[in-house]
Protein backbone atom coordinates (compact mmCIF):
# COMPACT_ATOMS: atom_id res chain seq x y z
CA UNK A 1 -0.01 0.00 0.00
CA UNK A 2 1.27 3.43 -0.87
CA UNK A 3 1.35 6.13 1.82
CA UNK A 4 1.80 9.87 1.66
CA UNK A 5 5.49 10.61 2.42
CA UNK A 6 6.13 10.73 6.18
CA UNK A 7 2.46 10.11 6.94
CA UNK A 8 0.53 6.94 7.81
CA UNK A 9 -2.37 7.81 5.47
CA UNK A 10 -2.73 7.05 1.80
CA UNK A 11 -2.40 10.00 -0.62
CA UNK A 12 -6.20 10.02 -1.10
CA UNK A 13 -6.77 10.08 2.65
CA UNK A 14 -4.19 12.83 3.04
CA UNK A 15 -6.14 14.99 0.58
CA UNK A 16 -9.43 14.03 2.26
CA UNK A 17 -8.04 14.95 5.69
CA UNK A 18 -7.46 18.55 4.65
CA UNK A 19 -10.70 18.72 2.63
CA UNK A 20 -12.72 17.49 5.65
CA UNK A 21 -10.93 19.88 7.97
CA UNK A 22 -11.67 22.76 5.59
CA UNK A 23 -15.35 21.76 5.43
CA UNK A 24 -15.58 21.79 9.22
CA UNK A 25 -13.91 25.21 9.42
CA UNK A 26 -16.23 26.63 6.75
CA UNK A 27 -19.29 25.16 8.52
CA UNK A 28 -18.16 26.80 11.76
CA UNK A 29 -17.30 30.09 10.04
CA UNK A 30 -13.67 29.92 11.14
CA UNK A 31 -11.34 32.19 9.21
CA UNK A 32 -8.13 32.74 11.19
CA UNK A 33 -5.29 30.27 11.17
CA UNK A 34 -5.40 30.15 14.99
CA UNK A 35 -9.12 29.29 15.01
CA UNK A 36 -8.62 26.61 12.34
CA UNK A 37 -5.72 25.09 14.27
CA UNK A 38 -7.78 25.06 17.48
CA UNK A 39 -10.60 23.27 15.60
CA UNK A 40 -8.11 20.71 14.19
CA UNK A 41 -6.84 20.00 17.70
CA UNK A 42 -10.40 19.72 19.01
CA UNK A 43 -11.29 17.22 16.24
CA UNK A 44 -8.24 15.13 17.11
CA UNK A 45 -9.25 15.09 20.78
CA UNK A 46 -12.76 13.96 19.87
CA UNK A 47 -11.59 11.32 17.43
CA UNK A 48 -8.61 9.91 19.32
CA UNK A 49 -9.01 11.06 22.91
CA UNK A 50 -5.56 12.63 22.82
CA UNK A 51 -3.69 15.41 21.01
CA UNK A 52 -1.80 13.51 18.32
CA UNK A 53 -0.01 14.65 15.21
CA UNK A 54 -1.89 14.37 11.91
CA UNK A 55 1.11 12.47 10.58
CA UNK A 56 0.42 9.72 13.15
CA UNK A 57 -3.14 9.08 11.94
CA UNK A 58 -3.18 5.61 10.38
CA UNK A 59 -5.03 4.76 7.20
CA UNK A 60 -7.54 2.47 8.91
CA UNK A 61 -9.33 3.07 12.23
CA UNK A 62 -7.80 6.42 13.04
CA UNK A 63 -8.71 7.97 9.70
CA UNK A 64 -12.24 6.57 10.04
CA UNK A 65 -12.54 8.11 13.53
CA UNK A 66 -11.31 11.48 12.24
CA UNK A 67 -13.79 11.39 9.37
CA UNK A 68 -16.64 10.52 11.77
CA UNK A 69 -15.68 13.47 13.99
CA UNK A 70 -15.74 15.76 10.94
CA UNK A 71 -19.13 14.39 9.84
CA UNK A 72 -20.49 15.10 13.32
CA UNK A 73 -19.55 18.75 12.76
CA UNK A 74 -20.60 19.19 9.14
CA UNK A 75 -23.73 17.03 9.16
CA UNK A 76 -24.80 16.61 12.80
CA UNK A 77 -28.29 15.44 11.84
CA UNK A 78 -26.96 12.66 9.57
CA UNK A 79 -26.34 9.99 12.19
CA UNK A 80 -26.42 7.25 9.55
CA UNK A 81 -23.30 8.62 7.87
CA UNK A 82 -21.51 8.99 11.19
CA UNK A 83 -22.39 5.46 12.32
CA UNK A 84 -21.41 3.98 8.97
CA UNK A 85 -18.05 5.70 9.20
CA UNK A 86 -17.50 4.27 12.66
CA UNK A 87 -18.38 0.83 11.30
CA UNK A 88 -15.89 1.17 8.45
CA UNK A 89 -13.21 -1.06 10.05
CA UNK A 90 -15.72 -3.93 10.22
CA UNK A 91 -16.91 -3.28 6.67
CA UNK A 92 -13.30 -3.30 5.47
CA UNK A 93 -12.65 -6.62 7.22
CA UNK A 94 -15.76 -8.24 5.68
CA UNK A 95 -14.68 -7.15 2.20
CA UNK A 96 -11.18 -8.50 2.76
CA UNK A 97 -12.59 -11.85 3.86
CA UNK A 98 -14.75 -12.07 0.75
CA UNK A 99 -11.80 -11.24 -1.51
CA UNK A 100 -9.63 -13.94 0.05
CA UNK A 101 -11.88 -16.95 -0.55
CA UNK A 102 -15.09 -18.23 -2.06
CA UNK A 103 -18.34 -18.39 -0.14
CA UNK A 104 -18.17 -22.17 0.34
CA UNK A 105 -14.68 -21.98 1.86
CA UNK A 106 -15.64 -19.10 4.16
CA UNK A 107 -18.78 -20.95 5.24
CA UNK A 108 -16.77 -24.09 6.04
CA UNK A 109 -14.43 -22.06 8.27
CA UNK A 110 -17.35 -20.28 9.91
CA UNK A 111 -18.94 -23.62 10.82
CA UNK A 112 -15.71 -24.99 12.27
CA UNK A 113 -15.33 -25.45 16.04
CA UNK A 114 -13.09 -22.37 16.11
CA UNK A 115 -15.77 -19.93 14.89
CA UNK A 116 -19.03 -21.82 15.64
CA UNK A 117 -21.18 -19.79 13.23
CA UNK A 118 -23.96 -21.08 11.02
CA UNK A 119 -24.10 -18.94 7.90
CA UNK A 120 -22.46 -16.17 5.91
CA UNK A 121 -24.99 -13.80 7.46
CA UNK A 122 -23.09 -14.27 10.72
CA UNK A 123 -20.30 -12.14 9.22
CA UNK A 124 -22.57 -9.16 9.93
CA UNK A 125 -22.71 -9.84 13.68
CA UNK A 126 -19.15 -10.97 14.31
CA UNK A 127 -16.91 -8.85 16.49
CA UNK A 128 -13.85 -7.10 15.13
CA UNK A 129 -11.62 -9.70 16.79
CA UNK A 130 -13.58 -12.59 15.24
CA UNK A 131 -13.45 -10.98 11.80
CA UNK A 132 -9.72 -10.27 12.16
CA UNK A 133 -9.11 -13.89 13.21
CA UNK A 134 -11.09 -15.15 10.21
CA UNK A 135 -9.24 -12.86 7.80
CA UNK A 136 -5.89 -13.89 9.27
CA UNK A 137 -6.79 -17.59 8.99
CA UNK A 138 -7.83 -17.14 5.36
CA UNK A 139 -4.63 -15.17 4.60
CA UNK A 140 -2.41 -17.81 6.21
CA UNK A 141 -4.07 -20.63 4.34
CA UNK A 142 -3.82 -18.76 1.08
CA UNK A 143 -0.08 -18.13 1.66
CA UNK A 144 0.45 -21.83 2.45
CA UNK A 145 -1.27 -22.82 -0.80
CA UNK A 146 0.79 -20.43 -2.86
């Protein structure tokens, strides 16, 4: 995966980071550099619970949390968009699982004693840890076949 130089985000996320930040500042009517910087710091506190550098924001969960914090500012009434953004890590895991193997193979693993699930629909209710374990199992088996 390609990252923006010296950042942990992809180039597209890097651009989106500044676009989202600008949208929040415009929605709040912020014009001065000091006000914009204060808003950026406030968004980081909301998203991450700590004042971290933008360069430390990773391309997965952290970027999703930042985007959700921005959506809360620019579209506070659109809870669906905010919740979907917070669910993005799980959505990303489900897509990765489906890319790694066919439905029959995934279903066989799901029904194994390790996962104890009954159908592919169970992917929607699995925890992040369960989905990560399933993805890692599929990845390892694929590597071993290769």
